[in-house]
């Protein structure tokens, strides 16, 4: 009987100690992550506004876009955006859906260029596609894909085997950023996530630095192409 009582006492004391320890150690959850970011939705909207985020948007859409950011802001990787119901194009002329499967498939690369044409006009980027070659070689089971933009020949895929969802998006961003630099465009394309959930965003350097500092999850924040490829596991291709 004494042994049973002693055992109960030991178990009880152990439970009290464990409960006390759990009470003294804060649980690091998602809500605490938001608090630690020290940036509110309002501060985020005011800062990106001051850095020119909304300057391409039509005036009548700016307040709606700001409200969308306020409602969606989460430092783990969520901010606002509104897309046209018919065209699915962004009203901020920055934040595009970029489905890797679509970009990789036939005519997807040039289709994505066409989708971004309105943003090209907004940022003052002139583009001329003079030659486009895309061919699947069924005998060798590989893809060859190249394009000539503004007089420069670019290889997208050379004797490529497999599914190049990530590689197609990578080349899209690399080629356009190279062309932007030639024309002294102060915007660049940054990539977010991948696969069917991928997107891209046009940002100047100040906006990019602020987004990069604000959002914490590398899977869901804008990244420069090289870092994005590393995070998403996209291997460098041999293009020569």
C-alpha atoms as a PDB file:
ATOM      1  CA  UNK A   1       0.000   0.000   0.000  1.00  0.00           C
ATOM      2  CA  UNK A   2       2.851   2.397   0.951  1.00  0.00           C
ATOM      3  CA  UNK A   3       4.620   1.600  -2.338  1.00  0.00           C
ATOM      4  CA  UNK A   4       1.464   2.466  -4.287  1.00  0.00           C
ATOM      5  CA  UNK A   5       1.064   5.800  -2.434  1.00  0.00           C
ATOM      6  CA  UNK A   6       4.735   6.707  -3.033  1.00  0.00           C
ATOM      7  CA  UNK A   7       4.375   5.866  -6.747  1.00  0.00           C
ATOM      8  CA  UNK A   8       1.306   8.106  -7.045  1.00  0.00           C
ATOM      9  CA  UNK A   9       3.174  10.951  -5.308  1.00  0.00           C
ATOM     10  CA  UNK A  10       6.158  10.606  -7.657  1.00  0.00           C
ATOM     11  CA  UNK A  11       3.913  10.611 -10.736  1.00  0.00           C
ATOM     12  CA  UNK A  12       2.031  13.646  -9.406  1.00  0.00           C
ATOM     13  CA  UNK A  13       5.221  15.612  -8.698  1.00  0.00           C
ATOM     14  CA  UNK A  14       6.529  14.720 -12.178  1.00  0.00           C
ATOM     15  CA  UNK A  15       3.350  15.951 -13.817  1.00  0.00           C
ATOM     16  CA  UNK A  16       3.539  19.244 -11.902  1.00  0.00           C
ATOM     17  CA  UNK A  17       7.166  19.764 -12.954  1.00  0.00           C
ATOM     18  CA  UNK A  18       6.374  19.045 -16.626  1.00  0.00           C
ATOM     19  CA  UNK A  19       3.370  21.385 -16.580  1.00  0.00           C
ATOM     20  CA  UNK A  20       5.461  24.104 -14.925  1.00  0.00           C
ATOM     21  CA  UNK A  21       8.162  23.741 -17.587  1.00  0.00           C
ATOM     22  CA  UNK A  22       5.642  23.866 -20.427  1.00  0.00           C
ATOM     23  CA  UNK A  23       4.047  26.959 -18.899  1.00  0.00           C
ATOM     24  CA  UNK A  24       7.427  28.722 -18.605  1.00  0.00           C
ATOM     25  CA  UNK A  25       8.500  27.946 -22.197  1.00  0.00           C
ATOM     26  CA  UNK A  26       6.550  29.936 -24.820  1.00  0.00           C
ATOM     27  CA  UNK A  27       5.295  27.976 -27.830  1.00  0.00           C
ATOM     28  CA  UNK A  28       6.786  29.340 -31.054  1.00  0.00           C
ATOM     29  CA  UNK A  29       3.874  29.248 -33.406  1.00  0.00           C
ATOM     30  CA  UNK A  30       2.757  31.069 -36.539  1.00  0.00           C
ATOM     31  CA  UNK A  31       1.089  33.910 -34.632  1.00  0.00           C
ATOM     32  CA  UNK A  32       4.293  34.628 -32.717  1.00  0.00           C
ATOM     33  CA  UNK A  33       6.185  34.672 -36.011  1.00  0.00           C
ATOM     34  CA  UNK A  34       3.905  37.489 -37.154  1.00  0.00           C
ATOM     35  CA  UNK A  35       4.518  39.428 -33.932  1.00  0.00           C
ATOM     36  CA  UNK A  36       8.282  39.006 -34.260  1.00  0.00           C
ATOM     37  CA  UNK A  37       8.207  40.448 -37.785  1.00  0.00           C
ATOM     38  CA  UNK A  38       7.358  43.872 -36.199  1.00  0.00           C
ATOM     39  CA  UNK A  39       5.697  44.954 -39.448  1.00  0.00           C
ATOM     40  CA  UNK A  40       1.960  45.526 -39.618  1.00  0.00           C
ATOM     41  CA  UNK A  41      -0.154  45.344 -42.736  1.00  0.00           C
ATOM     42  CA  UNK A  42      -0.613  49.115 -42.685  1.00  0.00           C
ATOM     43  CA  UNK A  43       3.144  49.708 -42.423  1.00  0.00           C
ATOM     44  CA  UNK A  44       3.710  47.318 -45.301  1.00  0.00           C
ATOM     45  CA  UNK A  45       1.208  49.102 -47.555  1.00  0.00           C
ATOM     46  CA  UNK A  46       2.537  52.550 -46.686  1.00  0.00           C
ATOM     47  CA  UNK A  47       6.125  51.482 -47.361  1.00  0.00           C
ATOM     48  CA  UNK A  48       5.525  49.810 -50.723  1.00  0.00           C
ATOM     49  CA  UNK A  49       3.405  52.810 -51.734  1.00  0.00           C
ATOM     50  CA  UNK A  50       6.296  55.157 -50.919  1.00  0.00           C
ATOM     51  CA  UNK A  51       8.621  52.930 -52.983  1.00  0.00           C
ATOM     52  CA  UNK A  52       6.376  53.158 -56.067  1.00  0.00           C
ATOM     53  CA  UNK A  53       4.604  49.807 -55.999  1.00  0.00           C
ATOM     54  CA  UNK A  54       1.278  51.206 -57.223  1.00  0.00           C
ATOM     55  CA  UNK A  55       2.600  53.638 -59.826  1.00  0.00           C
ATOM     56  CA  UNK A  56       1.596  51.477 -62.812  1.00  0.00           C
ATOM     57  CA  UNK A  57      -1.924  50.739 -61.551  1.00  0.00           C
ATOM     58  CA  UNK A  58      -4.888  52.677 -62.909  1.00  0.00           C
ATOM     59  CA  UNK A  59      -5.902  55.351 -60.413  1.00  0.00           C
ATOM     60  CA  UNK A  60      -9.364  53.877 -59.821  1.00  0.00           C
ATOM     61  CA  UNK A  61      -7.807  50.548 -58.731  1.00  0.00           C
ATOM     62  CA  UNK A  62      -5.205  51.791 -56.261  1.00  0.00           C
ATOM     63  CA  UNK A  63      -7.391  51.881 -53.136  1.00  0.00           C
ATOM     64  CA  UNK A  64      -8.789  48.417 -53.910  1.00  0.00           C
ATOM     65  CA  UNK A  65      -5.249  47.092 -54.267  1.00  0.00           C
ATOM     66  CA  UNK A  66      -4.184  48.655 -50.976  1.00  0.00           C
ATOM     67  CA  UNK A  67      -7.174  47.066 -49.219  1.00  0.00           C
ATOM     68  CA  UNK A  68      -6.244  43.709 -50.727  1.00  0.00           C
ATOM     69  CA  UNK A  69      -2.730  44.034 -49.291  1.00  0.00           C
ATOM     70  CA  UNK A  70      -4.078  44.982 -45.868  1.00  0.00           C
ATOM     71  CA  UNK A  71      -6.328  41.914 -45.775  1.00  0.00           C
ATOM     72  CA  UNK A  72      -3.752  39.477 -47.165  1.00  0.00           C
ATOM     73  CA  UNK A  73      -0.524  40.568 -45.487  1.00  0.00           C
ATOM     74  CA  UNK A  74       1.327  37.787 -43.694  1.00  0.00           C
ATOM     75  CA  UNK A  75       5.128  37.939 -43.238  1.00  0.00           C
ATOM     76  CA  UNK A  76       5.381  34.209 -43.869  1.00  0.00           C
ATOM     77  CA  UNK A  77       4.652  34.879 -47.535  1.00  0.00           C
ATOM     78  CA  UNK A  78       1.356  36.525 -48.393  1.00  0.00           C
ATOM     79  CA  UNK A  79       0.524  39.946 -49.795  1.00  0.00           C
ATOM     80  CA  UNK A  80      -2.302  41.368 -51.850  1.00  0.00           C
ATOM     81  CA  UNK A  81      -3.221  41.430 -55.489  1.00  0.00           C
ATOM     82  CA  UNK A  82      -6.267  41.697 -57.729  1.00  0.00           C
ATOM     83  CA  UNK A  83      -6.576  40.072 -61.138  1.00  0.00           C
ATOM     84  CA  UNK A  84      -8.975  40.926 -63.938  1.00  0.00           C
ATOM     85  CA  UNK A  85     -11.926  38.530 -63.989  1.00  0.00           C
ATOM     86  CA  UNK A  86     -11.780  38.083 -67.767  1.00  0.00           C
ATOM     87  CA  UNK A  87      -8.073  38.265 -68.636  1.00  0.00           C
ATOM     88  CA  UNK A  88      -6.636  37.079 -65.278  1.00  0.00           C
ATOM     89  CA  UNK A  89      -4.020  39.834 -65.612  1.00  0.00           C
ATOM     90  CA  UNK A  90      -2.881  41.789 -62.522  1.00  0.00           C
ATOM     91  CA  UNK A  91      -4.393  45.217 -61.879  1.00  0.00           C
ATOM     92  CA  UNK A  92      -1.085  46.340 -60.352  1.00  0.00           C
ATOM     93  CA  UNK A  93       0.762  45.343 -63.569  1.00  0.00           C
ATOM     94  CA  UNK A  94       3.361  43.609 -61.376  1.00  0.00           C
ATOM     95  CA  UNK A  95       2.216  40.340 -59.852  1.00  0.00           C
ATOM     96  CA  UNK A  96       1.613  37.583 -62.431  1.00  0.00           C
ATOM     97  CA  UNK A  97       0.640  33.954 -62.171  1.00  0.00           C
ATOM     98  CA  UNK A  98       3.413  31.936 -63.806  1.00  0.00           C
ATOM     99  CA  UNK A  99       2.497  28.272 -64.121  1.00  0.00           C
ATOM    100  CA  UNK A 100       5.702  26.372 -64.912  1.00  0.00           C
ATOM    101  CA  UNK A 101       3.826  23.657 -66.774  1.00  0.00           C
ATOM    102  CA  UNK A 102       2.199  26.236 -69.053  1.00  0.00           C
ATOM    103  CA  UNK A 103       5.469  28.065 -69.765  1.00  0.00           C
ATOM    104  CA  UNK A 104       7.209  24.775 -70.636  1.00  0.00           C
ATOM    105  CA  UNK A 105       4.504  23.518 -72.988  1.00  0.00           C
ATOM    106  CA  UNK A 106       4.375  24.464 -76.665  1.00  0.00           C
ATOM    107  CA  UNK A 107       3.773  28.202 -77.212  1.00  0.00           C
ATOM    108  CA  UNK A 108       3.697  28.795 -73.444  1.00  0.00           C
ATOM    109  CA  UNK A 109       6.909  30.824 -73.427  1.00  0.00           C
ATOM    110  CA  UNK A 110       5.702  33.288 -76.058  1.00  0.00           C
ATOM    111  CA  UNK A 111       2.225  33.179 -74.532  1.00  0.00           C
ATOM    112  CA  UNK A 112       3.678  34.439 -71.254  1.00  0.00           C
ATOM    113  CA  UNK A 113       5.483  37.228 -73.098  1.00  0.00           C
ATOM    114  CA  UNK A 114       2.177  38.275 -74.650  1.00  0.00           C
ATOM    115  CA  UNK A 115       0.479  38.276 -71.238  1.00  0.00           C
ATOM    116  CA  UNK A 116       3.091  40.666 -69.866  1.00  0.00           C
ATOM    117  CA  UNK A 117       2.885  43.074 -72.801  1.00  0.00           C
ATOM    118  CA  UNK A 118       0.814  45.610 -70.847  1.00  0.00           C
ATOM    119  CA  UNK A 119       3.493  45.737 -68.148  1.00  0.00           C
ATOM    120  CA  UNK A 120       6.237  46.058 -70.768  1.00  0.00           C
ATOM    121  CA  UNK A 121       4.482  49.181 -72.035  1.00  0.00           C
ATOM    122  CA  UNK A 122       4.112  50.570 -68.493  1.00  0.00           C
ATOM    123  CA  UNK A 123       7.826  50.192 -67.708  1.00  0.00           C
ATOM    124  CA  UNK A 124       8.919  51.435 -71.133  1.00  0.00           C
ATOM    125  CA  UNK A 125      10.365  48.147 -72.345  1.00  0.00           C
ATOM    126  CA  UNK A 126      10.479  47.668 -76.114  1.00  0.00           C
ATOM    127  CA  UNK A 127      10.426  44.070 -77.321  1.00  0.00           C
ATOM    128  CA  UNK A 128      10.728  42.591 -80.783  1.00  0.00           C
ATOM    129  CA  UNK A 129      10.569  38.828 -81.334  1.00  0.00           C
ATOM    130  CA  UNK A 130      12.289  38.171 -84.650  1.00  0.00           C
ATOM    131  CA  UNK A 131      12.634  34.406 -84.593  1.00  0.00           C
ATOM    132  CA  UNK A 132      11.193  31.616 -82.505  1.00  0.00           C
ATOM    133  CA  UNK A 133      12.066  27.940 -82.906  1.00  0.00           C
ATOM    134  CA  UNK A 134      10.515  25.219 -80.769  1.00  0.00           C
ATOM    135  CA  UNK A 135      10.835  21.573 -81.747  1.00  0.00           C
ATOM    136  CA  UNK A 136      10.388  18.250 -79.999  1.00  0.00           C
ATOM    137  CA  UNK A 137      12.662  15.589 -81.505  1.00  0.00           C
ATOM    138  CA  UNK A 138      10.759  12.327 -81.058  1.00  0.00           C
ATOM    139  CA  UNK A 139      13.674  10.272 -82.376  1.00  0.00           C
ATOM    140  CA  UNK A 140      16.051  11.492 -79.699  1.00  0.00           C
ATOM    141  CA  UNK A 141      13.298  12.242 -77.187  1.00  0.00           C
ATOM    142  CA  UNK A 142      14.511  15.782 -76.495  1.00  0.00           C
ATOM    143  CA  UNK A 143      13.485  19.415 -76.887  1.00  0.00           C
ATOM    144  CA  UNK A 144      15.236  22.264 -78.663  1.00  0.00           C
ATOM    145  CA  UNK A 145      13.874  25.734 -78.099  1.00  0.00           C
ATOM    146  CA  UNK A 146      15.383  29.121 -78.920  1.00  0.00           C
ATOM    147  CA  UNK A 147      14.211  32.659 -79.492  1.00  0.00           C
ATOM    148  CA  UNK A 148      15.576  35.921 -80.879  1.00  0.00           C
ATOM    149  CA  UNK A 149      14.594  39.008 -78.912  1.00  0.00           C
ATOM    150  CA  UNK A 150      15.680  42.508 -79.910  1.00  0.00           C
ATOM    151  CA  UNK A 151      18.402  41.091 -82.135  1.00  0.00           C
ATOM    152  CA  UNK A 152      19.893  38.716 -79.548  1.00  0.00           C
ATOM    153  CA  UNK A 153      19.658  34.936 -79.921  1.00  0.00           C
ATOM    154  CA  UNK A 154      18.756  33.070 -76.754  1.00  0.00           C
ATOM    155  CA  UNK A 155      18.748  29.314 -76.161  1.00  0.00           C
ATOM    156  CA  UNK A 156      15.920  28.217 -73.901  1.00  0.00           C
ATOM    157  CA  UNK A 157      16.439  24.462 -74.174  1.00  0.00           C
ATOM    158  CA  UNK A 158      19.121  22.472 -75.969  1.00  0.00           C
ATOM    159  CA  UNK A 159      18.697  18.696 -76.370  1.00  0.00           C
ATOM    160  CA  UNK A 160      16.614  18.782 -73.191  1.00  0.00           C
ATOM    161  CA  UNK A 161      15.013  15.623 -71.838  1.00  0.00           C
ATOM    162  CA  UNK A 162      12.330  15.480 -69.182  1.00  0.00           C
ATOM    163  CA  UNK A 163       9.926  18.018 -67.734  1.00  0.00           C
ATOM    164  CA  UNK A 164      11.408  21.513 -67.693  1.00  0.00           C
ATOM    165  CA  UNK A 165       8.770  23.404 -65.751  1.00  0.00           C
ATOM    166  CA  UNK A 166      11.301  25.145 -63.528  1.00  0.00           C
ATOM    167  CA  UNK A 167      13.920  25.560 -66.262  1.00  0.00           C
ATOM    168  CA  UNK A 168      11.436  27.271 -68.609  1.00  0.00           C
ATOM    169  CA  UNK A 169      10.491  29.846 -65.967  1.00  0.00           C
ATOM    170  CA  UNK A 170      14.150  30.339 -65.082  1.00  0.00           C
ATOM    171  CA  UNK A 171      15.069  31.094 -68.705  1.00  0.00           C
ATOM    172  CA  UNK A 172      12.075  33.416 -69.092  1.00  0.00           C
ATOM    173  CA  UNK A 173      13.233  35.546 -66.162  1.00  0.00           C
ATOM    174  CA  UNK A 174      16.917  35.423 -67.131  1.00  0.00           C
ATOM    175  CA  UNK A 175      16.274  36.505 -70.714  1.00  0.00           C
ATOM    176  CA  UNK A 176      13.911  39.331 -69.828  1.00  0.00           C
ATOM    177  CA  UNK A 177      16.140  40.650 -67.052  1.00  0.00           C
ATOM    178  CA  UNK A 178      19.081  40.707 -69.485  1.00  0.00           C
ATOM    179  CA  UNK A 179      16.969  42.703 -71.944  1.00  0.00           C
ATOM    180  CA  UNK A 180      15.726  45.085 -69.236  1.00  0.00           C
ATOM    181  CA  UNK A 181      19.317  45.844 -68.302  1.00  0.00           C
ATOM    182  CA  UNK A 182      20.187  46.707 -71.905  1.00  0.00           C
ATOM    183  CA  UNK A 183      17.390  49.285 -71.948  1.00  0.00           C
ATOM    184  CA  UNK A 184      18.190  50.650 -68.466  1.00  0.00           C
ATOM    185  CA  UNK A 185      14.848  49.506 -67.067  1.00  0.00           C
ATOM    186  CA  UNK A 186      14.920  49.793 -63.282  1.00  0.00           C
ATOM    187  CA  UNK A 187      12.529  46.855 -62.810  1.00  0.00           C
ATOM    188  CA  UNK A 188      13.490  43.179 -62.732  1.00  0.00           C
ATOM    189  CA  UNK A 189      11.531  39.954 -62.622  1.00  0.00           C
ATOM    190  CA  UNK A 190      11.690  37.985 -59.382  1.00  0.00           C
ATOM    191  CA  UNK A 191      10.296  34.483 -59.014  1.00  0.00           C
ATOM    192  CA  UNK A 192       8.000  33.065 -56.353  1.00  0.00           C
ATOM    193  CA  UNK A 193       7.366  29.376 -55.626  1.00  0.00           C
ATOM    194  CA  UNK A 194       7.046  27.036 -58.623  1.00  0.00           C
ATOM    195  CA  UNK A 195       5.195  24.340 -60.515  1.00  0.00           C
ATOM    196  CA  UNK A 196       1.512  25.055 -61.030  1.00  0.00           C
ATOM    197  CA  UNK A 197       1.629  27.464 -58.058  1.00  0.00           C
ATOM    198  CA  UNK A 198       4.419  29.638 -59.449  1.00  0.00           C
ATOM    199  CA  UNK A 199       4.255  33.377 -59.916  1.00  0.00           C
ATOM    200  CA  UNK A 200       6.537  36.247 -60.835  1.00  0.00           C
ATOM    201  CA  UNK A 201       6.661  39.877 -59.847  1.00  0.00           C
ATOM    202  CA  UNK A 202       8.166  43.037 -61.321  1.00  0.00           C
ATOM    203  CA  UNK A 203      10.056  45.026 -58.657  1.00  0.00           C
ATOM    204  CA  UNK A 204      12.661  47.753 -58.593  1.00  0.00           C
ATOM    205  CA  UNK A 205      15.641  47.156 -56.324  1.00  0.00           C
ATOM    206  CA  UNK A 206      14.223  49.103 -53.362  1.00  0.00           C
ATOM    207  CA  UNK A 207      10.961  47.169 -53.480  1.00  0.00           C
ATOM    208  CA  UNK A 208      12.790  43.872 -53.841  1.00  0.00           C
ATOM    209  CA  UNK A 209      15.009  44.557 -50.842  1.00  0.00           C
ATOM    210  CA  UNK A 210      11.966  45.463 -48.752  1.00  0.00           C
ATOM    211  CA  UNK A 211       9.986  42.378 -49.823  1.00  0.00           C
ATOM    212  CA  UNK A 212      13.013  40.164 -49.208  1.00  0.00           C
ATOM    213  CA  UNK A 213      13.502  41.562 -45.691  1.00  0.00           C
ATOM    214  CA  UNK A 214       9.803  41.463 -44.810  1.00  0.00           C
ATOM    215  CA  UNK A 215       8.809  37.956 -45.869  1.00  0.00           C
ATOM    216  CA  UNK A 216      10.334  34.983 -44.114  1.00  0.00           C
ATOM    217  CA  UNK A 217       9.585  31.840 -46.136  1.00  0.00           C
ATOM    218  CA  UNK A 218      11.941  31.429 -49.135  1.00  0.00           C
ATOM    219  CA  UNK A 219       9.371  29.187 -50.819  1.00  0.00           C
ATOM    220  CA  UNK A 220       6.832  32.033 -50.862  1.00  0.00           C
ATOM    221  CA  UNK A 221       8.719  35.280 -51.276  1.00  0.00           C
ATOM    222  CA  UNK A 222      10.257  36.978 -54.334  1.00  0.00           C
ATOM    223  CA  UNK A 223      13.752  35.696 -55.098  1.00  0.00           C
ATOM    224  CA  UNK A 224      16.427  36.533 -57.620  1.00  0.00           C
ATOM    225  CA  UNK A 225      16.653  33.856 -60.282  1.00  0.00           C
ATOM    226  CA  UNK A 226      19.790  32.116 -59.002  1.00  0.00           C
ATOM    227  CA  UNK A 227      18.534  31.893 -55.430  1.00  0.00           C
ATOM    228  CA  UNK A 228      15.101  30.784 -56.628  1.00  0.00           C
ATOM    229  CA  UNK A 229      16.650  27.973 -58.698  1.00  0.00           C
ATOM    230  CA  UNK A 230      18.587  26.786 -55.661  1.00  0.00           C
ATOM    231  CA  UNK A 231      15.533  26.876 -53.390  1.00  0.00           C
ATOM    232  CA  UNK A 232      13.346  25.097 -55.962  1.00  0.00           C
ATOM    233  CA  UNK A 233      15.994  22.528 -56.901  1.00  0.00           C
ATOM    234  CA  UNK A 234      16.286  23.637 -60.537  1.00  0.00           C
ATOM    235  CA  UNK A 235      19.621  22.480 -61.932  1.00  0.00           C
ATOM    236  CA  UNK A 236      21.767  24.596 -64.224  1.00  0.00           C
ATOM    237  CA  UNK A 237      21.433  23.554 -67.862  1.00  0.00           C
ATOM    238  CA  UNK A 238      24.089  23.215 -70.541  1.00  0.00           C
ATOM    239  CA  UNK A 239      22.937  25.595 -73.272  1.00  0.00           C
ATOM    240  CA  UNK A 240      25.948  25.523 -75.630  1.00  0.00           C
END
